[in-house]
Amino acid sequence: MEAPCDDGGVESAVQPGLVPEIDQAELVAQLRGGGVTLVDVLSPESFAANHIPLAINLPVADIPSRAADVVRDRAAPIVVYCGGPT
């Protein structure tokens, strides 16, 4: 399956519907409570232009090589987004 992103399409082995989704209100509540890691997978340029506060930038292509260094709290749920605040 291919997912759109500003870095081009990315391949995913995850079937649609198998990854839980949360809405904006739930994300805001989790961010305020400090119980989630928010990862923006857009390019550094897109991240710099527009991103959700508290998000960590980890472009899709860099996930295999940088995730262990960038995602500090591995016990916290990780929310990934591609597309900036809406």
PDB file of N, CA and C in Angstrom:
ATOM      1  N   MET A   1       0.844  -1.178   0.000  1.00  0.00           N
ATOM      2  CA  MET A   1       0.000   0.000   0.000  1.00  0.00           C
ATOM      3  C   MET A   1       0.885   1.235   0.000  1.00  0.00           C
ATOM      4  N   GLU A   2       0.491   2.250  -0.748  1.00  0.00           N
ATOM      5  CA  GLU A   2       1.270   3.476  -0.819  1.00  0.00           C
ATOM      6  C   GLU A   2       0.517   4.607  -0.141  1.00  0.00           C
ATOM      7  N   ALA A   3       1.214   5.370   0.702  1.00  0.00           N
ATOM      8  CA  ALA A   3       0.613   6.496   1.411  1.00  0.00           C
ATOM      9  C   ALA A   3       1.241   7.789   0.909  1.00  0.00           C
ATOM     10  N   PRO A   4       0.436   8.840   0.720  1.00  0.00           N
ATOM     11  CA  PRO A   4       1.007  10.102   0.243  1.00  0.00           C
ATOM     12  C   PRO A   4       1.757  10.830   1.350  1.00  0.00           C
ATOM     13  N   CYS A   5       2.787  11.519   0.949  1.00  0.00           N
ATOM     14  CA  CYS A   5       3.560  12.334   1.868  1.00  0.00           C
ATOM     15  C   CYS A   5       4.338  13.316   1.019  1.00  0.00           C
ATOM     16  N   ASP A   6       4.830  14.413   1.587  1.00  0.00           N
ATOM     17  CA  ASP A   6       5.523  15.370   0.738  1.00  0.00           C
ATOM     18  C   ASP A   6       6.894  14.866   0.293  1.00  0.00           C
ATOM     19  N   ASP A   7       7.351  13.779   0.852  1.00  0.00           N
ATOM     20  CA  ASP A   7       8.592  13.152   0.408  1.00  0.00           C
ATOM     21  C   ASP A   7       8.314  12.174  -0.730  1.00  0.00           C
ATOM     22  N   GLY A   8       7.089  12.140  -1.220  1.00  0.00           N
ATOM     23  CA  GLY A   8       6.679  11.169  -2.229  1.00  0.00           C
ATOM     24  C   GLY A   8       5.923  10.050  -1.547  1.00  0.00           C
ATOM     25  N   GLY A   9       5.483   9.100  -2.312  1.00  0.00           N
ATOM     26  CA  GLY A   9       4.753   7.971  -1.737  1.00  0.00           C
ATOM     27  C   GLY A   9       5.655   7.111  -0.881  1.00  0.00           C
ATOM     28  N   VAL A  10       5.093   6.506   0.125  1.00  0.00           N
ATOM     29  CA  VAL A  10       5.844   5.605   0.987  1.00  0.00           C
ATOM     30  C   VAL A  10       5.107   4.282   1.053  1.00  0.00           C
ATOM     31  N   GLU A  11       5.867   3.228   1.123  1.00  0.00           N
ATOM     32  CA  GLU A  11       5.285   1.902   1.205  1.00  0.00           C
ATOM     33  C   GLU A  11       5.018   1.546   2.662  1.00  0.00           C
ATOM     34  N   SER A  12       3.901   0.862   2.895  1.00  0.00           N
ATOM     35  CA  SER A  12       3.567   0.430   4.239  1.00  0.00           C
ATOM     36  C   SER A  12       3.026  -0.993   4.187  1.00  0.00           C
ATOM     37  N   ALA A  13       3.485  -1.814   5.099  1.00  0.00           N
ATOM     38  CA  ALA A  13       2.982  -3.181   5.191  1.00  0.00           C
ATOM     39  C   ALA A  13       1.728  -3.248   6.051  1.00  0.00           C
ATOM     40  N   VAL A  14       1.391  -2.146   6.696  1.00  0.00           N
ATOM     41  CA  VAL A  14       0.234  -2.107   7.584  1.00  0.00           C
ATOM     42  C   VAL A  14      -1.030  -1.944   6.754  1.00  0.00           C
ATOM     43  N   GLN A  15      -1.983  -2.810   6.992  1.00  0.00           N
ATOM     44  CA  GLN A  15      -3.251  -2.746   6.278  1.00  0.00           C
ATOM     45  C   GLN A  15      -4.098  -1.611   6.836  1.00  0.00           C
ATOM     46  N   PRO A  16      -4.822  -0.881   5.952  1.00  0.00           N
ATOM     47  CA  PRO A  16      -5.693   0.200   6.429  1.00  0.00           C
ATOM     48  C   PRO A  16      -6.685  -0.324   7.471  1.00  0.00           C
ATOM     49  N   GLY A  17      -6.912   0.482   8.483  1.00  0.00           N
ATOM     50  CA  GLY A  17      -7.851   0.112   9.537  1.00  0.00           C
ATOM     51  C   GLY A  17      -7.237  -0.666  10.686  1.00  0.00           C
ATOM     52  N   LEU A  18      -5.997  -1.130  10.541  1.00  0.00           N
ATOM     53  CA  LEU A  18      -5.362  -1.895  11.615  1.00  0.00           C
ATOM     54  C   LEU A  18      -4.612  -1.026  12.609  1.00  0.00           C
ATOM     55  N   VAL A  19      -4.348   0.208  12.235  1.00  0.00           N
ATOM     56  CA  VAL A  19      -3.665   1.135  13.123  1.00  0.00           C
ATOM     57  C   VAL A  19      -4.717   2.048  13.735  1.00  0.00           C
ATOM     58  N   PRO A  20      -4.777   2.116  15.053  1.00  0.00           N
ATOM     59  CA  PRO A  20      -5.787   2.981  15.676  1.00  0.00           C
ATOM     60  C   PRO A  20      -5.570   4.445  15.301  1.00  0.00           C
ATOM     61  N   GLU A  21      -6.657   5.171  15.159  1.00  0.00           N
ATOM     62  CA  GLU A  21      -6.601   6.597  14.879  1.00  0.00           C
ATOM     63  C   GLU A  21      -7.211   7.347  16.049  1.00  0.00           C
ATOM     64  N   ILE A  22      -6.727   8.583  16.264  1.00  0.00           N
ATOM     65  CA  ILE A  22      -7.320   9.425  17.287  1.00  0.00           C
ATOM     66  C   ILE A  22      -7.717  10.739  16.645  1.00  0.00           C
ATOM     67  N   ASP A  23      -8.692  11.400  17.261  1.00  0.00           N
ATOM     68  CA  ASP A  23      -9.108  12.687  16.716  1.00  0.00           C
ATOM     69  C   ASP A  23      -8.331  13.814  17.395  1.00  0.00           C
ATOM     70  N   GLN A  24      -8.553  15.023  16.922  1.00  0.00           N
ATOM     71  CA  GLN A  24      -7.802  16.171  17.407  1.00  0.00           C
ATOM     72  C   GLN A  24      -7.981  16.385  18.906  1.00  0.00           C
ATOM     73  N   ALA A  25      -9.205  16.285  19.393  1.00  0.00           N
ATOM     74  CA  ALA A  25      -9.454  16.510  20.822  1.00  0.00           C
ATOM     75  C   ALA A  25      -8.704  15.496  21.688  1.00  0.00           C
ATOM     76  N   GLU A  26      -8.695  14.242  21.265  1.00  0.00           N
ATOM     77  CA  GLU A  26      -7.988  13.216  22.025  1.00  0.00           C
ATOM     78  C   GLU A  26      -6.477  13.454  21.987  1.00  0.00           C
ATOM     79  N   LEU A  27      -5.958  13.875  20.825  1.00  0.00           N
ATOM     80  CA  LEU A  27      -4.531  14.174  20.720  1.00  0.00           C
ATOM     81  C   LEU A  27      -4.149  15.330  21.637  1.00  0.00           C
ATOM     82  N   VAL A  28      -4.933  16.398  21.625  1.00  0.00           N
ATOM     83  CA  VAL A  28      -4.650  17.555  22.477  1.00  0.00           C
ATOM     84  C   VAL A  28      -4.634  17.129  23.946  1.00  0.00           C
ATOM     85  N   ALA A  29      -5.603  16.333  24.349  1.00  0.00           N
ATOM     86  CA  ALA A  29      -5.657  15.869  25.742  1.00  0.00           C
ATOM     87  C   ALA A  29      -4.419  15.043  26.087  1.00  0.00           C
ATOM     88  N   GLN A  30      -4.004  14.171  25.190  1.00  0.00           N
ATOM     89  CA  GLN A  30      -2.830  13.343  25.456  1.00  0.00           C
ATOM     90  C   GLN A  30      -1.553  14.171  25.489  1.00  0.00           C
ATOM     91  N   LEU A  31      -1.456  15.171  24.600  1.00  0.00           N
ATOM     92  CA  LEU A  31      -0.274  16.037  24.616  1.00  0.00           C
ATOM     93  C   LEU A  31      -0.209  16.845  25.900  1.00  0.00           C
ATOM     94  N   ARG A  32      -1.348  17.352  26.346  1.00  0.00           N
ATOM     95  CA  ARG A  32      -1.379  18.119  27.607  1.00  0.00           C
ATOM     96  C   ARG A  32      -1.001  17.256  28.795  1.00  0.00           C
ATOM     97  N   GLY A  33      -1.371  15.990  28.741  1.00  0.00           N
ATOM     98  CA  GLY A  33      -1.050  15.071  29.827  1.00  0.00           C
ATOM     99  C   GLY A  33       0.359  14.511  29.750  1.00  0.00           C
ATOM    100  N   GLY A  34       1.041  14.777  28.651  1.00  0.00           N
ATOM    101  CA  GLY A  34       2.407  14.301  28.494  1.00  0.00           C
ATOM    102  C   GLY A  34       2.521  12.814  28.258  1.00  0.00           C
ATOM    103  N   GLY A  35       1.441  12.177  27.825  1.00  0.00           N
ATOM    104  CA  GLY A  35       1.471  10.727  27.687  1.00  0.00           C
ATOM    105  C   GLY A  35       1.632  10.212  26.276  1.00  0.00           C
ATOM    106  N   VAL A  36       2.134  11.033  25.364  1.00  0.00           N
ATOM    107  CA  VAL A  36       2.246  10.601  23.974  1.00  0.00           C
ATOM    108  C   VAL A  36       3.447  11.286  23.318  1.00  0.00           C
ATOM    109  N   THR A  37       4.054  10.591  22.364  1.00  0.00           N
ATOM    110  CA  THR A  37       5.109  11.171  21.549  1.00  0.00           C
ATOM    111  C   THR A  37       4.507  11.468  20.183  1.00  0.00           C
ATOM    112  N   LEU A  38       4.609  12.706  19.732  1.00  0.00           N
ATOM    113  CA  LEU A  38       4.036  13.135  18.465  1.00  0.00           C
ATOM    114  C   LEU A  38       5.148  13.249  17.435  1.00  0.00           C
ATOM    115  N   VAL A  39       5.032  12.508  16.336  1.00  0.00           N
ATOM    116  CA  VAL A  39       6.066  12.472  15.305  1.00  0.00           C
ATOM    117  C   VAL A  39       5.491  12.960  13.982  1.00  0.00           C
ATOM    118  N   ASP A  40       6.121  13.983  13.426  1.00  0.00           N
ATOM    119  CA  ASP A  40       5.777  14.529  12.119  1.00  0.00           C
ATOM    120  C   ASP A  40       6.752  13.907  11.122  1.00  0.00           C
ATOM    121  N   VAL A  41       6.227  13.182  10.129  1.00  0.00           N
ATOM    122  CA  VAL A  41       7.090  12.457   9.196  1.00  0.00           C
ATOM    123  C   VAL A  41       7.349  13.211   7.895  1.00  0.00           C
ATOM    124  N   LEU A  42       7.036  14.497   7.863  1.00  0.00           N
ATOM    125  CA  LEU A  42       7.282  15.308   6.683  1.00  0.00           C
ATOM    126  C   LEU A  42       8.762  15.697   6.581  1.00  0.00           C
ATOM    127  N   SER A  43       9.131  16.269   5.455  1.00  0.00           N
ATOM    128  CA  SER A  43      10.503  16.725   5.257  1.00  0.00           C
ATOM    129  C   SER A  43      10.831  17.843   6.244  1.00  0.00           C
ATOM    130  N   PRO A  44      12.101  18.076   6.533  1.00  0.00           N
ATOM    131  CA  PRO A  44      12.465  19.167   7.439  1.00  0.00           C
ATOM    132  C   PRO A  44      11.947  20.526   6.964  1.00  0.00           C
ATOM    133  N   GLU A  45      11.911  20.739   5.654  1.00  0.00           N
ATOM    134  CA  GLU A  45      11.417  22.010   5.118  1.00  0.00           C
ATOM    135  C   GLU A  45       9.925  22.189   5.410  1.00  0.00           C
ATOM    136  N   SER A  46       9.149  21.148   5.200  1.00  0.00           N
ATOM    137  CA  SER A  46       7.716  21.222   5.489  1.00  0.00           C
ATOM    138  C   SER A  46       7.469  21.361   6.982  1.00  0.00           C
ATOM    139  N   PHE A  47       8.255  20.648   7.772  1.00  0.00           N
ATOM    140  CA  PHE A  47       8.135  20.737   9.223  1.00  0.00           C
ATOM    141  C   PHE A  47       8.411  22.160   9.696  1.00  0.00           C
ATOM    142  N   ALA A  48       9.462  22.775   9.161  1.00  0.00           N
ATOM    143  CA  ALA A  48       9.824  24.138   9.555  1.00  0.00           C
ATOM    144  C   ALA A  48       8.738  25.133   9.173  1.00  0.00           C
ATOM    145  N   ALA A  49       8.075  24.892   8.058  1.00  0.00           N
ATOM    146  CA  ALA A  49       7.035  25.813   7.590  1.00  0.00           C
ATOM    147  C   ALA A  49       5.755  25.713   8.393  1.00  0.00           C
ATOM    148  N   ASN A  50       5.431  24.514   8.898  1.00  0.00           N
ATOM    149  CA  ASN A  50       4.149  24.330   9.575  1.00  0.00           C
ATOM    150  C   ASN A  50       4.107  22.968  10.257  1.00  0.00           C
ATOM    151  N   HIS A  51       4.053  22.974  11.574  1.00  0.00           N
ATOM    152  CA  HIS A  51       3.936  21.712  12.301  1.00  0.00           C
ATOM    153  C   HIS A  51       3.163  21.930  13.601  1.00  0.00           C
ATOM    154  N   ILE A  52       2.728  20.842  14.191  1.00  0.00           N
ATOM    155  CA  ILE A  52       2.023  20.896  15.465  1.00  0.00           C
ATOM    156  C   ILE A  52       3.056  21.114  16.570  1.00  0.00           C
ATOM    157  N   PRO A  53       2.808  22.081  17.472  1.00  0.00           N
ATOM    158  CA  PRO A  53       3.739  22.285  18.583  1.00  0.00           C
ATOM    159  C   PRO A  53       3.968  20.979  19.354  1.00  0.00           C
ATOM    160  N   LEU A  54       5.161  20.768  19.820  1.00  0.00           N
ATOM    161  CA  LEU A  54       5.634  19.598  20.559  1.00  0.00           C
ATOM    162  C   LEU A  54       5.963  18.407  19.669  1.00  0.00           C
ATOM    163  N   ALA A  55       5.725  18.532  18.361  1.00  0.00           N
ATOM    164  CA  ALA A  55       6.033  17.423  17.453  1.00  0.00           C
ATOM    165  C   ALA A  55       7.530  17.289  17.252  1.00  0.00           C
ATOM    166  N   ILE A  56       7.958  16.067  17.019  1.00  0.00           N
ATOM    167  CA  ILE A  56       9.336  15.738  16.676  1.00  0.00           C
ATOM    168  C   ILE A  56       9.355  15.488  15.171  1.00  0.00           C
ATOM    169  N   ASN A  57      10.330  16.045  14.481  1.00  0.00           N
ATOM    170  CA  ASN A  57      10.425  15.801  13.044  1.00  0.00           C
ATOM    171  C   ASN A  57      11.285  14.565  12.782  1.00  0.00           C
ATOM    172  N   LEU A  58      10.695  13.601  12.107  1.00  0.00           N
ATOM    173  CA  LEU A  58      11.403  12.385  11.714  1.00  0.00           C
ATOM    174  C   LEU A  58      10.889  11.990  10.337  1.00  0.00           C
ATOM    175  N   PRO A  59      11.522  12.521   9.273  1.00  0.00           N
ATOM    176  CA  PRO A  59      11.070  12.208   7.923  1.00  0.00           C
ATOM    177  C   PRO A  59      10.987  10.703   7.683  1.00  0.00           C
ATOM    178  N   VAL A  60      10.038  10.303   6.871  1.00  0.00           N
ATOM    179  CA  VAL A  60       9.797   8.886   6.597  1.00  0.00           C
ATOM    180  C   VAL A  60      11.082   8.159   6.224  1.00  0.00           C
ATOM    181  N   ALA A  61      11.864   8.729   5.339  1.00  0.00           N
ATOM    182  CA  ALA A  61      13.087   8.071   4.879  1.00  0.00           C
ATOM    183  C   ALA A  61      14.110   7.875   6.001  1.00  0.00           C
ATOM    184  N   ASP A  62      14.013   8.677   7.066  1.00  0.00           N
ATOM    185  CA  ASP A  62      14.974   8.604   8.171  1.00  0.00           C
ATOM    186  C   ASP A  62      14.544   7.686   9.307  1.00  0.00           C
ATOM    187  N   ILE A  63      13.341   7.163   9.256  1.00  0.00           N
ATOM    188  CA  ILE A  63      12.840   6.351  10.371  1.00  0.00           C
ATOM    189  C   ILE A  63      13.778   5.198  10.706  1.00  0.00           C
ATOM    190  N   PRO A  64      14.199   4.375   9.748  1.00  0.00           N
ATOM    191  CA  PRO A  64      15.064   3.245  10.124  1.00  0.00           C
ATOM    192  C   PRO A  64      16.388   3.651  10.786  1.00  0.00           C
ATOM    193  N   SER A  65      16.969   4.759  10.351  1.00  0.00           N
ATOM    194  CA  SER A  65      18.287   5.129  10.873  1.00  0.00           C
ATOM    195  C   SER A  65      18.254   6.063  12.073  1.00  0.00           C
ATOM    196  N   ARG A  66      17.153   6.815  12.281  1.00  0.00           N
ATOM    197  CA  ARG A  66      17.147   7.832  13.335  1.00  0.00           C
ATOM    198  C   ARG A  66      16.106   7.639  14.433  1.00  0.00           C
ATOM    199  N   ALA A  67      15.158   6.744  14.259  1.00  0.00           N
ATOM    200  CA  ALA A  67      14.062   6.614  15.224  1.00  0.00           C
ATOM    201  C   ALA A  67      14.557   6.360  16.647  1.00  0.00           C
ATOM    202  N   ALA A  68      15.525   5.504  16.801  1.00  0.00           N
ATOM    203  CA  ALA A  68      16.021   5.194  18.148  1.00  0.00           C
ATOM    204  C   ALA A  68      16.623   6.405  18.836  1.00  0.00           C
ATOM    205  N   ASP A  69      17.198   7.331  18.062  1.00  0.00           N
ATOM    206  CA  ASP A  69      17.804   8.532  18.640  1.00  0.00           C
ATOM    207  C   ASP A  69      16.788   9.641  18.887  1.00  0.00           C
ATOM    208  N   VAL A  70      15.766   9.713  18.057  1.00  0.00           N
ATOM    209  CA  VAL A  70      14.818  10.824  18.104  1.00  0.00           C
ATOM    210  C   VAL A  70      13.659  10.557  19.060  1.00  0.00           C
ATOM    211  N   VAL A  71      13.152   9.340  19.085  1.00  0.00           N
ATOM    212  CA  VAL A  71      12.017   8.998  19.954  1.00  0.00           C
ATOM    213  C   VAL A  71      12.585   8.564  21.296  1.00  0.00           C
ATOM    214  N   ARG A  72      12.543   9.473  22.242  1.00  0.00           N
ATOM    215  CA  ARG A  72      13.189   9.248  23.544  1.00  0.00           C
ATOM    216  C   ARG A  72      12.402   8.298  24.453  1.00  0.00           C
ATOM    217  N   ASP A  73      11.093   8.511  24.571  1.00  0.00           N
ATOM    218  CA  ASP A  73      10.276   7.715  25.487  1.00  0.00           C
ATOM    219  C   ASP A  73       9.610   6.583  24.716  1.00  0.00           C
ATOM    220  N   ARG A  74      10.248   5.439  24.710  1.00  0.00           N
ATOM    221  CA  ARG A  74       9.723   4.301  23.948  1.00  0.00           C
ATOM    222  C   ARG A  74       8.535   3.650  24.619  1.00  0.00           C
ATOM    223  N   ALA A  75       8.269   3.993  25.871  1.00  0.00           N
ATOM    224  CA  ALA A  75       7.116   3.439  26.572  1.00  0.00           C
ATOM    225  C   ALA A  75       5.834   4.203  26.246  1.00  0.00           C
ATOM    226  N   ALA A  76       5.976   5.442  25.780  1.00  0.00           N
ATOM    227  CA  ALA A  76       4.806   6.271  25.468  1.00  0.00           C
ATOM    228  C   ALA A  76       4.240   5.868  24.110  1.00  0.00           C
ATOM    229  N   PRO A  77       2.911   5.960  23.970  1.00  0.00           N
ATOM    230  CA  PRO A  77       2.319   5.752  22.640  1.00  0.00           C
ATOM    231  C   PRO A  77       2.883   6.766  21.657  1.00  0.00           C
ATOM    232  N   ILE A  78       3.034   6.361  20.420  1.00  0.00           N
ATOM    233  CA  ILE A  78       3.544   7.248  19.371  1.00  0.00           C
ATOM    234  C   ILE A  78       2.417   7.562  18.407  1.00  0.00           C
ATOM    235  N   VAL A  79       2.209   8.863  18.195  1.00  0.00           N
ATOM    236  CA  VAL A  79       1.240   9.335  17.201  1.00  0.00           C
ATOM    237  C   VAL A  79       2.033   9.922  16.059  1.00  0.00           C
ATOM    238  N   VAL A  80       1.774   9.430  14.865  1.00  0.00           N
ATOM    239  CA  VAL A  80       2.479   9.869  13.664  1.00  0.00           C
ATOM    240  C   VAL A  80       1.502  10.609  12.775  1.00  0.00           C
ATOM    241  N   TYR A  81       1.960  11.731  12.221  1.00  0.00           N
ATOM    242  CA  TYR A  81       1.113  12.455  11.273  1.00  0.00           C
ATOM    243  C   TYR A  81       1.943  12.969  10.120  1.00  0.00           C
ATOM    244  N   CYS A  82       1.253  13.243   9.032  1.00  0.00           N
ATOM    245  CA  CYS A  82       1.877  13.722   7.800  1.00  0.00           C
ATOM    246  C   CYS A  82       0.939  14.769   7.221  1.00  0.00           C
ATOM    247  N   GLY A  83       1.237  16.026   7.426  1.00  0.00           N
ATOM    248  CA  GLY A  83       0.384  17.028   6.813  1.00  0.00           C
ATOM    249  C   GLY A  83       0.187  18.303   7.593  1.00  0.00           C
ATOM    250  N   GLY A  84       0.810  18.485   8.721  1.00  0.00           N
ATOM    251  CA  GLY A  84       0.685  19.739   9.462  1.00  0.00           C
ATOM    252  C   GLY A  84      -0.639  19.905  10.148  1.00  0.00           C
ATOM    253  N   PRO A  85      -0.755  20.937  10.975  1.00  0.00           N
ATOM    254  CA  PRO A  85      -1.978  21.162  11.730  1.00  0.00           C
ATOM    255  C   PRO A  85      -3.122  21.560  10.812  1.00  0.00           C
ATOM    256  N   THR A  86      -4.286  21.045  11.129  1.00  0.00           N
ATOM    257  CA  THR A  86      -5.484  21.413  10.360  1.00  0.00           C
ATOM    258  C   THR A  86      -6.604  21.780  11.300  1.00  0.00           C
TER     259      THR A  86
END
